[in-house]
Protein backbone atom coordinates (compact mmCIF):
# COMPACT_ATOMS: atom_id res chain seq x y z
CA MET A 1 -6.56 -18.10 37.71
CA ASN A 2 -6.18 -18.13 41.48
CA LEU A 3 -9.21 -18.66 43.73
CA ASP A 4 -7.32 -18.98 47.00
CA CYS A 5 -9.20 -15.99 48.40
CA LEU A 6 -12.33 -18.16 48.39
CA ASN A 7 -10.47 -21.08 50.03
CA PHE A 8 -10.45 -23.21 46.90
CA LYS A 9 -7.52 -25.60 46.94
CA GLY A 10 -6.45 -28.60 44.90
CA ASN A 11 -8.75 -28.04 41.93
CA LYS A 12 -7.76 -30.00 38.84
CA LYS A 13 -8.38 -27.28 36.28
CA ILE A 14 -9.93 -23.83 36.42
CA TYR A 15 -11.31 -22.62 33.08
CA ARG A 16 -11.98 -18.89 32.81
CA ASN A 17 -14.19 -17.32 30.13
CA LEU A 18 -13.79 -20.12 27.64
CA PRO A 19 -15.20 -19.52 24.15
CA VAL A 20 -18.74 -20.75 23.58
CA SER A 21 -17.55 -23.57 21.31
CA ASP A 22 -15.21 -24.91 24.01
CA LEU A 23 -17.89 -24.76 26.68
CA VAL A 24 -20.36 -26.62 24.47
CA GLU A 25 -17.77 -29.27 23.62
CA LEU A 26 -16.83 -29.80 27.26
CA ALA A 27 -20.47 -29.93 28.37
CA VAL A 28 -21.17 -32.68 25.84
CA LYS A 29 -18.00 -34.63 26.68
CA ARG A 30 -18.78 -34.44 30.39
CA GLY A 31 -22.31 -35.77 29.86
CA GLU A 32 -24.01 -32.57 30.98
CA GLY A 33 -26.13 -32.34 27.85
CA VAL A 34 -26.55 -33.26 24.21
CA LEU A 35 -26.66 -31.27 21.00
CA SER A 36 -29.95 -30.93 19.17
CA SER A 37 -30.30 -30.79 15.42
CA SER A 38 -30.48 -26.99 15.71
CA GLY A 39 -27.06 -26.94 17.40
CA ALA A 40 -28.45 -25.86 20.80
CA LEU A 41 -27.23 -27.64 23.93
CA VAL A 42 -30.06 -29.48 25.69
CA ILE A 43 -29.73 -30.18 29.41
CA HIS A 44 -32.12 -31.65 31.96
CA THR A 45 -32.15 -30.01 35.36
CA GLY A 46 -33.55 -32.95 37.36
CA LYS A 47 -36.23 -32.43 40.00
CA TYR A 48 -35.69 -28.66 40.04
CA THR A 49 -37.26 -27.47 36.80
CA GLY A 50 -38.09 -23.99 38.11
CA ARG A 51 -37.10 -21.56 40.80
CA SER A 52 -37.26 -22.79 44.36
CA PRO A 53 -38.42 -19.69 46.30
CA LYS A 54 -38.71 -21.51 49.63
CA ASP A 55 -34.99 -22.27 49.45
CA ARG A 56 -33.74 -18.70 48.98
CA PHE A 57 -32.25 -16.89 51.96
CA ILE A 58 -30.52 -13.62 52.77
CA VAL A 59 -27.87 -13.62 55.47
CA LYS A 60 -29.07 -11.36 58.29
CA GLN A 61 -26.33 -8.79 58.98
CA LYS A 62 -26.25 -5.33 60.54
CA SER A 63 -25.58 -3.72 57.16
CA VAL A 64 -28.92 -4.94 55.74
CA GLU A 65 -31.01 -5.74 58.82
CA ASP A 66 -33.07 -2.53 58.76
CA LYS A 67 -33.40 -2.34 54.97
CA ILE A 68 -34.59 -5.74 53.79
CA ASN A 69 -38.33 -6.36 53.61
CA TRP A 70 -38.14 -9.54 55.70
CA GLY A 71 -40.85 -12.18 55.51
CA GLU A 72 -41.74 -15.36 53.67
CA ILE A 73 -40.26 -13.94 50.45
CA ASN A 74 -37.04 -12.58 51.94
CA GLU A 75 -36.21 -15.16 54.59
CA PRO A 76 -33.32 -14.40 56.94
CA LEU A 77 -30.48 -16.84 57.63
CA GLU A 78 -27.99 -16.70 60.44
CA GLU A 79 -24.41 -16.02 59.34
CA ILE A 80 -23.07 -19.09 61.15
CA ILE A 81 -25.32 -21.33 59.04
CA PHE A 82 -24.05 -19.68 55.87
CA ASP A 83 -20.42 -20.14 56.95
CA GLU A 84 -20.93 -23.83 57.69
CA LEU A 85 -22.64 -24.46 54.34
CA TYR A 86 -19.96 -22.45 52.56
CA ASN A 87 -17.21 -24.64 54.00
CA GLN A 88 -19.09 -27.79 53.00
CA VAL A 89 -19.54 -26.53 49.44
CA ILE A 90 -15.90 -25.50 49.10
CA ASN A 91 -14.76 -28.92 50.35
CA TYR A 92 -17.12 -30.54 47.84
CA LEU A 93 -15.80 -28.47 44.94
CA CYS A 94 -12.12 -28.86 45.78
CA GLU A 95 -10.33 -31.30 43.47
CA LYS A 96 -13.02 -30.77 40.80
CA ASP A 97 -12.69 -28.89 37.54
CA LEU A 98 -14.19 -25.42 37.84
CA PHE A 99 -15.67 -23.17 35.18
CA VAL A 100 -15.50 -19.42 35.75
CA PHE A 101 -17.31 -16.64 33.93
CA ASP A 102 -16.34 -13.04 34.60
CA GLY A 103 -18.76 -10.45 33.24
CA PHE A 104 -21.05 -7.56 34.08
CA VAL A 105 -24.61 -6.75 35.07
CA GLY A 106 -25.82 -3.35 33.84
CA ALA A 107 -25.33 -1.96 30.33
CA MET A 108 -24.84 1.59 31.61
CA ASN A 109 -21.29 1.80 32.95
CA THR A 110 -22.24 4.18 35.76
CA TYR A 111 -24.42 1.53 37.38
CA ARG A 112 -22.92 -1.77 36.28
CA ASN A 113 -21.53 -4.44 38.62
CA GLY A 114 -18.94 -7.10 37.94
CA VAL A 115 -20.16 -10.67 38.54
CA ARG A 116 -18.00 -13.80 38.76
CA VAL A 117 -19.82 -17.13 38.35
CA ILE A 118 -17.93 -20.22 39.53
CA SER A 119 -19.51 -23.61 38.79
CA GLU A 120 -18.68 -27.28 38.55
CA TYR A 121 -20.67 -27.40 35.29
CA ALA A 122 -19.49 -26.15 31.91
CA SER A 123 -23.16 -25.74 30.92
CA GLN A 124 -23.71 -23.24 33.74
CA ALA A 125 -20.66 -21.24 32.68
CA LEU A 126 -22.17 -21.25 29.18
CA PHE A 127 -25.49 -20.06 30.62
CA ALA A 128 -23.74 -17.21 32.45
CA ASN A 129 -21.85 -16.29 29.30
CA GLN A 130 -25.07 -16.06 27.33
CA MET A 131 -27.11 -14.27 29.99
CA PHE A 132 -24.76 -11.66 31.45
CA LEU A 133 -22.80 -8.92 29.69
CA ARG A 134 -19.61 -10.28 28.19
CA PRO A 135 -16.39 -8.31 28.75
CA THR A 136 -13.96 -7.30 26.03
CA SER A 137 -10.41 -8.65 26.15
CA ASP A 138 -9.17 -5.37 27.63
CA GLU A 139 -11.90 -5.40 30.28
CA LEU A 140 -11.06 -8.98 31.17
CA ASP A 141 -7.38 -8.15 31.62
CA ASP A 142 -8.26 -5.43 34.13
CA TYR A 143 -11.35 -7.11 35.56
CA GLN A 144 -12.67 -6.26 39.01
CA THR A 145 -15.52 -8.34 40.41
CA ASP A 146 -18.19 -6.95 42.71
CA PHE A 147 -20.23 -10.09 43.44
CA LYS A 148 -19.34 -13.76 43.24
CA ILE A 149 -21.75 -16.64 42.65
CA ILE A 150 -20.61 -20.15 43.57
CA CYS A 151 -22.71 -22.93 42.03
CA ALA A 152 -22.54 -26.53 43.22
CA PRO A 153 -25.55 -28.34 41.69
CA GLY A 154 -24.15 -31.73 42.70
CA PHE A 155 -23.92 -30.82 46.38
CA LYS A 156 -27.02 -31.83 48.31
CA ALA A 157 -27.62 -30.22 51.69
CA ARG A 158 -29.23 -32.09 54.59
CA GLY A 159 -32.21 -29.79 55.00
CA SER A 160 -33.00 -29.01 58.64
CA LEU A 161 -29.70 -30.59 59.76
CA ASP A 162 -27.95 -27.77 57.89
CA GLY A 163 -30.41 -25.13 59.12
CA ILE A 164 -32.32 -24.80 55.84
CA ASN A 165 -35.44 -26.28 54.26
CA SER A 166 -34.24 -28.86 51.75
CA GLU A 167 -31.25 -30.14 49.81
CA ALA A 168 -31.28 -26.97 47.66
CA PHE A 169 -30.30 -23.46 48.70
CA ILE A 170 -29.74 -20.02 47.23
CA ILE A 171 -28.13 -17.74 49.82
CA VAL A 172 -27.14 -14.09 49.37
CA ASN A 173 -24.46 -12.65 51.66
CA PHE A 174 -24.18 -8.88 51.15
CA ASP A 175 -21.26 -8.29 53.48
CA LYS A 176 -19.15 -10.84 51.62
CA LYS A 177 -20.71 -9.95 48.27
CA LEU A 178 -21.21 -13.64 47.72
CA VAL A 179 -24.03 -15.93 46.58
CA LEU A 180 -24.02 -19.65 47.35
CA ILE A 181 -26.17 -21.96 45.20
CA GLY A 182 -26.36 -25.69 45.76
CA GLY A 183 -28.55 -28.70 45.12
CA THR A 184 -30.25 -27.31 42.00
CA LEU A 185 -29.16 -27.27 38.37
CA TYR A 186 -31.90 -24.84 37.33
CA SER A 187 -29.82 -21.97 35.96
CA GLY A 188 -32.56 -19.40 36.40
CA GLU A 189 -31.39 -19.14 40.01
CA ILE A 190 -28.09 -17.64 38.78
CA LYS A 191 -29.68 -14.78 36.88
CA LYS A 192 -32.39 -14.05 39.47
CA CYS A 193 -30.03 -13.79 42.42
CA MET A 194 -28.10 -11.05 40.60
CA PHE A 195 -31.39 -9.36 39.74
CA SER A 196 -32.28 -9.35 43.44
CA ILE A 197 -28.93 -7.81 44.29
CA MET A 198 -29.40 -5.03 41.72
CA ASN A 199 -32.90 -4.41 43.10
CA TYR A 200 -31.37 -3.86 46.51
CA ILE A 201 -28.46 -1.58 45.65
CA LEU A 202 -29.84 0.64 42.86
CA PRO A 203 -32.73 2.53 44.55
CA SER A 204 -30.27 4.24 46.91
CA ARG A 205 -28.67 5.66 43.76
CA GLY A 206 -31.98 6.98 42.42
CA VAL A 207 -32.38 4.17 39.89
CA PHE A 208 -35.71 2.33 39.52
CA PRO A 209 -34.93 -1.41 39.01
CA MET A 210 -37.61 -3.23 37.02
CA HIS A 211 -38.66 -6.78 36.23
CA CYS A 212 -39.53 -5.88 32.67
CA SER A 213 -38.62 -6.12 29.02
CA ALA A 214 -37.99 -3.07 26.85
CA ASN A 215 -37.70 -2.16 23.19
CA ILE A 216 -37.32 0.84 20.88
CA GLY A 217 -39.42 1.87 17.88
CA VAL A 218 -38.23 3.33 14.58
CA GLU A 219 -38.80 6.85 15.91
CA GLY A 220 -36.62 6.18 18.95
CA ASP A 221 -39.59 5.73 21.28
CA THR A 222 -38.92 3.36 24.17
CA ALA A 223 -41.51 1.00 25.65
CA VAL A 224 -41.38 -0.99 28.87
CA PHE A 225 -43.25 -4.27 29.52
CA PHE A 226 -43.88 -5.44 33.08
CA GLY A 227 -45.10 -8.93 33.82
CA LEU A 228 -44.33 -12.16 35.60
CA SER A 229 -43.03 -15.28 33.92
CA GLY A 230 -45.47 -16.63 31.37
CA THR A 231 -47.47 -13.44 30.79
CA GLY A 232 -45.82 -12.76 27.42
CA LYS A 233 -43.09 -10.31 28.39
CA THR A 234 -40.42 -11.94 26.22
CA THR A 235 -42.79 -12.75 23.36
CA LEU A 236 -44.37 -9.30 23.07
CA SER A 237 -41.12 -7.38 23.37
CA SER A 238 -39.48 -9.45 20.60
CA ASP A 239 -41.06 -7.41 17.83
CA PRO A 240 -39.49 -7.41 14.34
CA ASP A 241 -40.50 -3.75 13.96
CA ARG A 242 -38.83 -2.64 17.19
CA ARG A 243 -35.27 -3.03 18.47
CA LEU A 244 -35.08 -5.19 21.58
CA ILE A 245 -33.21 -3.67 24.52
CA GLY A 246 -33.75 -6.68 26.77
CA ASP A 247 -36.36 -9.21 27.79
CA ASP A 248 -36.36 -9.31 31.59
CA GLU A 249 -34.38 -6.91 33.78
CA HIS A 250 -33.76 -3.17 33.45
CA GLY A 251 -32.98 0.00 35.34
CA TRP A 252 -34.67 3.39 34.81
CA CYS A 253 -32.50 6.39 35.66
CA ASP A 254 -32.33 10.07 34.71
CA GLU A 255 -30.44 9.12 31.54
CA GLY A 256 -33.05 6.59 30.37
CA ILE A 257 -33.52 2.81 30.38
CA PHE A 258 -30.67 0.29 30.52
CA ASN A 259 -30.60 -3.49 30.36
CA PHE A 260 -29.05 -5.48 33.20
CA GLU A 261 -28.28 -8.49 31.01
CA GLY A 262 -26.72 -9.54 27.72
CA GLY A 263 -29.12 -12.35 26.88
CA CYS A 264 -32.66 -13.70 26.97
CA TYR A 265 -34.22 -16.51 28.99
CA ALA A 266 -37.36 -17.40 27.07
CA LYS A 267 -40.05 -19.98 27.76
CA THR A 268 -40.22 -22.47 24.89
CA ILE A 269 -43.27 -24.60 25.64
CA ARG A 270 -45.32 -24.86 22.44
CA LEU A 271 -42.87 -22.55 20.70
CA SER A 272 -43.45 -22.15 16.95
CA ALA A 273 -41.76 -20.27 14.15
CA GLU A 274 -45.15 -18.86 13.15
CA ASN A 275 -46.01 -17.23 16.48
CA GLU A 276 -42.56 -16.41 17.86
CA LYS A 277 -40.21 -16.15 14.93
CA GLU A 278 -37.44 -14.25 16.73
CA ILE A 279 -37.19 -16.64 19.67
CA TYR A 280 -37.48 -19.70 17.43
CA GLY A 281 -34.63 -18.48 15.24
CA ALA A 282 -32.40 -17.74 18.24
CA ILE A 283 -32.26 -21.40 19.32
CA LYS A 284 -29.08 -22.45 17.58
CA PHE A 285 -25.48 -23.34 18.44
CA GLY A 286 -24.52 -21.67 21.70
CA ALA A 287 -28.05 -21.52 23.06
CA VAL A 288 -28.82 -23.52 26.20
CA LEU A 289 -32.13 -25.37 26.38
CA GLU A 290 -33.46 -26.55 29.73
CA ASN A 291 -35.78 -29.58 29.88
CA VAL A 292 -36.83 -29.50 26.23
CA ILE A 293 -37.49 -33.00 24.90
CA LEU A 294 -35.55 -34.32 21.91
CA ASN A 295 -37.10 -36.53 19.27
CA LYS A 296 -35.14 -39.58 18.12
CA ASP A 297 -33.68 -37.61 15.23
CA LYS A 298 -32.45 -34.91 17.67
CA THR A 299 -35.08 -32.42 16.54
CA LEU A 300 -36.70 -30.38 19.30
CA ASN A 301 -40.18 -31.20 20.54
CA TYR A 302 -41.43 -27.93 21.99
CA ASP A 303 -44.90 -29.37 22.64
CA ASP A 304 -43.70 -32.04 25.06
CA ASP A 305 -44.22 -30.96 28.66
CA SER A 306 -43.41 -34.34 30.21
CA LEU A 307 -40.59 -32.84 32.28
CA THR A 308 -42.12 -29.42 32.90
CA GLU A 309 -44.19 -26.63 31.37
CA ASN A 310 -41.26 -24.37 32.22
CA THR A 311 -38.98 -25.37 29.34
CA ARG A 312 -36.45 -22.61 28.71
CA ALA A 313 -33.95 -21.25 26.20
CA ALA A 314 -30.99 -19.06 27.13
CA TYR A 315 -29.31 -17.21 24.29
CA PRO A 316 -27.36 -13.97 23.80
CA LEU A 317 -29.19 -10.88 22.61
CA HIS A 318 -27.25 -10.79 19.37
CA TYR A 319 -29.02 -14.01 18.34
CA ILE A 320 -32.04 -11.75 17.78
CA ASP A 321 -31.86 -9.85 14.49
CA ASN A 322 -33.33 -6.57 15.61
CA ILE A 323 -31.69 -5.44 18.85
CA GLU A 324 -30.40 -2.27 20.47
CA ALA A 325 -26.76 -3.34 20.81
CA THR A 326 -25.96 -0.72 23.45
CA GLY A 327 -28.60 -2.11 25.80
CA ILE A 328 -29.69 1.48 26.47
CA GLY A 329 -32.87 3.35 25.55
CA SER A 330 -34.34 6.81 26.00
CA GLN A 331 -36.97 7.78 28.56
CA PRO A 332 -40.01 5.56 27.86
CA ASN A 333 -43.15 6.84 26.18
CA THR A 334 -45.30 3.83 27.07
CA ILE A 335 -45.53 1.27 29.86
CA ILE A 336 -47.41 -1.99 29.43
CA PHE A 337 -48.46 -4.04 32.48
CA LEU A 338 -49.04 -7.65 31.44
CA THR A 339 -51.27 -9.92 33.48
CA ALA A 340 -52.69 -13.38 32.83
CA ASP A 341 -56.13 -13.12 34.45
CA ALA A 342 -57.29 -16.62 35.38
CA PHE A 343 -60.75 -15.23 36.34
CA GLY A 344 -61.37 -13.96 32.81
CA VAL A 345 -62.90 -10.66 33.99
CA LEU A 346 -60.22 -8.04 33.36
CA PRO A 347 -60.47 -6.13 30.05
CA PRO A 348 -57.96 -7.26 27.41
CA ILE A 349 -56.57 -3.71 27.45
CA SER A 350 -57.23 -0.65 29.60
CA LYS A 351 -55.52 2.64 30.37
CA LEU A 352 -54.26 3.55 33.85
CA SER A 353 -53.80 6.87 35.59
CA LYS A 354 -50.57 7.41 37.51
CA GLU A 355 -52.35 6.44 40.73
CA ALA A 356 -53.92 3.35 39.16
CA ALA A 357 -50.51 2.41 37.74
CA MET A 358 -48.98 2.58 41.20
CA TYR A 359 -51.89 0.53 42.62
CA HIS A 360 -51.59 -2.21 40.01
CA PHE A 361 -47.80 -2.17 40.20
CA MET A 362 -47.92 -2.74 43.97
CA SER A 363 -50.61 -5.39 43.51
CA GLY A 364 -48.84 -7.24 40.70
CA TYR A 365 -51.86 -9.41 39.93
CA THR A 366 -51.45 -12.33 37.57
CA SER A 367 -51.75 -16.10 37.54
CA LYS A 368 -48.79 -18.29 38.30
CA LEU A 369 -48.46 -20.49 35.27
CA ALA A 370 -47.59 -24.16 35.36
CA GLY A 371 -43.91 -24.93 35.82
CA THR A 372 -42.58 -21.49 36.74
CA GLU A 373 -42.35 -22.67 40.34
CA ARG A 374 -42.21 -26.17 41.77
CA GLY A 375 -45.63 -27.60 42.53
CA ILE A 376 -47.64 -25.34 40.21
CA LYS A 377 -49.67 -27.62 37.91
CA GLU A 378 -52.26 -25.17 36.58
CA PRO A 379 -52.79 -21.39 36.65
CA GLN A 380 -53.36 -19.94 40.11
CA ALA A 381 -54.43 -16.37 40.82
CA THR A 382 -51.73 -14.61 42.74
CA PHE A 383 -50.39 -11.18 43.67
CA SER A 384 -46.69 -10.46 43.29
CA SER A 385 -45.75 -6.92 44.26
CA CYS A 386 -43.92 -4.95 41.56
CA PHE A 387 -44.56 -7.81 39.14
CA GLY A 388 -41.56 -9.51 40.69
CA GLU A 389 -41.97 -9.82 44.47
CA PRO A 390 -39.59 -12.80 44.81
CA PHE A 391 -36.75 -10.58 43.58
CA MET A 392 -37.58 -7.32 45.35
CA LEU A 393 -35.64 -7.04 48.60
CA LEU A 394 -36.93 -3.62 49.70
CA ASN A 395 -40.44 -2.59 50.71
CA PRO A 396 -42.71 -2.47 47.61
CA THR A 397 -43.61 1.15 48.39
CA VAL A 398 -39.99 2.12 47.63
CA TYR A 399 -40.30 0.83 44.08
CA ALA A 400 -43.85 2.15 43.61
CA LYS A 401 -42.75 5.64 44.58
CA LEU A 402 -39.93 5.49 42.02
CA LEU A 403 -42.43 4.36 39.38
CA GLY A 404 -44.86 7.20 40.14
CA GLU A 405 -42.08 9.77 40.02
CA ARG A 406 -40.82 8.48 36.66
CA ILE A 407 -44.33 8.38 35.14
CA GLU A 408 -45.08 11.94 36.19
CA LYS A 409 -41.69 13.34 35.23
CA ASN A 410 -41.77 11.82 31.74
CA ASN A 411 -45.55 11.97 31.04
CA VAL A 412 -45.72 8.23 30.30
CA ASP A 413 -48.87 6.44 29.08
CA VAL A 414 -49.59 3.25 31.06
CA TYR A 415 -51.77 0.36 29.88
CA LEU A 416 -52.90 -2.86 31.57
CA VAL A 417 -53.03 -5.77 29.09
CA ASN A 418 -54.71 -9.05 29.98
CA THR A 419 -53.00 -11.92 28.17
CA GLY A 420 -55.06 -14.42 30.18
CA TRP A 421 -58.61 -15.61 29.77
CA SER A 422 -61.77 -14.17 28.22
CA GLY A 423 -65.34 -15.45 28.08
CA GLY A 424 -64.98 -17.34 31.34
CA ALA A 425 -62.47 -18.33 33.95
CA TYR A 426 -59.64 -20.79 33.34
CA GLY A 427 -61.13 -24.11 32.25
CA VAL A 428 -64.21 -22.46 30.74
CA GLY A 429 -63.09 -19.43 28.78
CA GLN A 430 -60.39 -19.15 26.15
CA ARG A 431 -57.05 -17.43 26.38
CA VAL A 432 -56.98 -14.08 24.54
CA LYS A 433 -55.65 -14.64 21.04
CA LEU A 434 -52.01 -13.66 20.67
CA SER A 435 -52.85 -11.86 17.43
CA TYR A 436 -55.33 -9.64 19.30
CA THR A 437 -52.84 -8.98 22.08
CA ARG A 438 -50.19 -7.99 19.56
CA ALA A 439 -52.67 -5.64 17.87
CA MET A 440 -53.57 -4.00 21.19
CA VAL A 441 -49.94 -3.57 22.19
CA SER A 442 -49.08 -2.13 18.77
CA ALA A 443 -51.96 0.33 19.03
CA ALA A 444 -50.73 1.49 22.45
CA LEU A 445 -47.13 1.86 21.31
CA GLU A 446 -48.01 3.67 18.09
CA GLY A 447 -50.27 6.18 19.84
CA ASN A 448 -53.44 4.88 18.22
CA LEU A 449 -55.25 4.73 21.57
CA LYS A 450 -54.63 8.33 22.53
CA ASP A 451 -57.68 9.81 20.80
CA VAL A 452 -60.23 7.00 21.11
CA SER A 453 -63.07 7.21 23.64
CA TYR A 454 -62.86 5.35 26.93
CA VAL A 455 -65.41 3.99 29.37
CA GLU A 456 -64.53 3.41 33.01
CA ASP A 457 -64.99 -0.17 34.18
CA GLU A 458 -67.34 0.26 37.14
CA ILE A 459 -65.74 -2.58 39.12
CA PHE A 460 -62.04 -2.37 38.32
CA LYS A 461 -62.08 1.40 37.63
CA VAL A 462 -59.71 1.18 34.68
CA GLN A 463 -60.34 3.08 31.43
CA VAL A 464 -61.48 0.70 28.69
CA PRO A 465 -61.18 1.81 25.03
CA THR A 466 -64.30 1.46 22.90
CA TYR A 467 -62.19 0.88 19.80
CA CYS A 468 -58.80 -0.67 19.07
CA PRO A 469 -57.44 -1.26 15.55
CA GLY A 470 -57.32 -4.93 14.61
CA VAL A 471 -59.42 -6.09 17.57
CA PRO A 472 -63.19 -6.90 17.53
CA ASN A 473 -65.02 -4.23 19.51
CA GLU A 474 -67.15 -6.80 21.35
CA ILE A 475 -64.20 -8.36 23.19
CA LEU A 476 -62.93 -5.06 24.63
CA ASP A 477 -65.61 -5.19 27.34
CA PRO A 478 -65.10 -8.57 29.06
CA LYS A 479 -68.81 -8.85 30.01
CA ASN A 480 -69.65 -9.21 26.34
CA THR A 481 -67.64 -12.41 26.05
CA TRP A 482 -69.45 -14.24 28.86
CA ARG A 483 -72.59 -16.22 28.04
CA ASN A 484 -73.84 -15.96 31.62
CA LYS A 485 -73.56 -12.38 32.87
CA SER A 486 -74.43 -13.38 36.45
CA GLU A 487 -71.43 -15.69 36.53
CA TYR A 488 -69.29 -12.82 35.25
CA TYR A 489 -70.34 -10.61 38.17
CA VAL A 490 -69.68 -13.41 40.65
CA LYS A 491 -66.15 -13.84 39.36
CA ALA A 492 -65.59 -10.08 39.07
CA LYS A 493 -66.61 -9.58 42.69
CA GLU A 494 -64.35 -12.43 43.77
CA LEU A 495 -61.36 -10.92 42.02
CA ALA A 496 -62.09 -7.36 43.19
CA GLU A 497 -62.23 -8.61 46.78
CA LYS A 498 -58.91 -10.37 46.31
CA PHE A 499 -57.38 -7.08 45.13
CA GLU A 500 -58.79 -5.24 48.16
CA ASN A 501 -57.71 -7.86 50.68
CA ASN A 502 -54.23 -8.07 49.22
CA PHE A 503 -53.78 -4.29 49.26
CA LYS A 504 -54.53 -4.11 53.00
CA LYS A 505 -51.03 -5.39 53.70
CA PHE A 506 -49.55 -2.09 52.50
CA LYS A 507 -49.35 0.59 55.17
CA ASN A 508 -49.53 4.40 54.97
CA ILE A 509 -50.69 4.44 51.35
CA PRO A 510 -52.22 7.73 50.09
CA GLU A 511 -56.01 7.53 49.72
CA ASN A 512 -55.94 8.57 46.05
CA ILE A 513 -53.91 5.45 45.23
CA ILE A 514 -56.25 3.16 47.19
CA GLN A 515 -59.29 4.70 45.47
CA ALA A 516 -57.73 4.05 42.05
CA GLY A 517 -58.07 0.29 42.60
CA PRO A 518 -61.02 -2.12 42.22
CA ASN A 519 -64.13 -1.65 44.35
CA SER A 520 -66.17 -4.77 45.08
CA ASP A 521 -68.95 -2.64 46.64
CA ASN A 522 -69.88 -1.50 43.13
CA ILE A 523 -70.83 -5.01 42.06
CA GLN A 524 -74.38 -5.01 43.38
CA SER A 525 -75.33 -1.65 41.87
CA VAL A 526 -73.71 -2.49 38.55
CA GLN A 527 -75.50 -5.82 38.40
CA GLU A 528 -78.86 -4.16 39.17
CA VAL A 529 -78.34 -1.67 36.34
CA ALA A 530 -77.42 -4.47 33.98
CA VAL A 531 -80.55 -6.45 34.86
CA THR A 532 -82.76 -3.34 34.44
CA ASN A 533 -81.27 -2.57 31.05
CA PHE A 534 -81.74 -6.16 29.99
């Protein structure tokens, strides 16, 4: 194929949409990775074992200047700096073999975009093949690309000398419909830059883009799971009794839910066939494993975190037995917000009103888990708007409004599920058992929580069920799991104040949404009542 339009010249070979077997063979021959006993390709990504958010930029241009939510998350870059880096990268890649993948993002044809990934690594072309939607032969013959991603992991920038922060960079140029990635071999940057692009372009078309997983029950009921990396989004949506639509990125339009991708990118640390059968079984020939350690006999050691906690597996959706092959679902019946509460004070499950759903969606509270970003060694409480702030280019209120409209229009039940700690904060309490979390999620999806009684949590103002099938009643109220109730109230007040302080950054928010959130002023009165009753 001809890449002259991008100024590529003198390349040795350009491979386009090679079969998986050829890409694996070339990756092994070129020393990019090794085959495990399961047949999966194992690669090590070097110092970048997670996303590098401080190294992502958006070129500041008139077409986007008044639309992007600029700040520390969406950092602007002058066009002249982009052009200079682009020329350096092209010069670096010239005379190298290149691997090209042409595919799509968006399972619903009305909203899909063509994406061309160009990389110096066969393993990254394999990653793109497994993660994005793969074209048919006819589609490839008549292929039109919308966005291009150029990946040069071996090119190291000079940091401030090149006008950026380090040797790595991920730069989105909307006018040129081009993404430039250099200095990092972590392939998650490829998928997330396209997610960011979809999050920018779809709201203007009335589509709500979501950092979520989705699946379909036997009755055709669709469920959506929001949550940041490590909260259980992939694990909980991979349910043998429900068809998986996708594990990470979707759009919600008037016609229903549609997947952006054609694959899954699952965390594998401490993976086991017992707890995550579907993911475990998907790691076979064609799958790409990042930073998983091999034993001497080439078996996979999922418990070894010596390189990172953020070990990953990329595999196509059809490696999962029970999937929705179209990538499309009906209007959802249920939404699950997943959060890993490091304070150990949020209920393991609670129901949210529309206003509370919008509040918690804008807040996006969770704990950053080790390895998902560079420098994170243990869970840290954080707020990430829309459960995906690093990928949301518009103001969070734009996405929250779309969520509220969709909830109201489709009469959707919304639940907040804490997959984090109970009985104490991180380091003292224990993480909520996966079996209990699965039981709570199943109860929500099957409608078994519709008719139970609820009690409002006085501090966090969410509706807590008094009964949930398969879950001990005493753990539903988090106070019951703490030995020292005074310590519980201290931590609850601390978290409630964090919610309140974080929410102050949002402007012109209706009072009914603000009032649906936590209230730290209730702590003293609640504690006094508790002491009196005791």
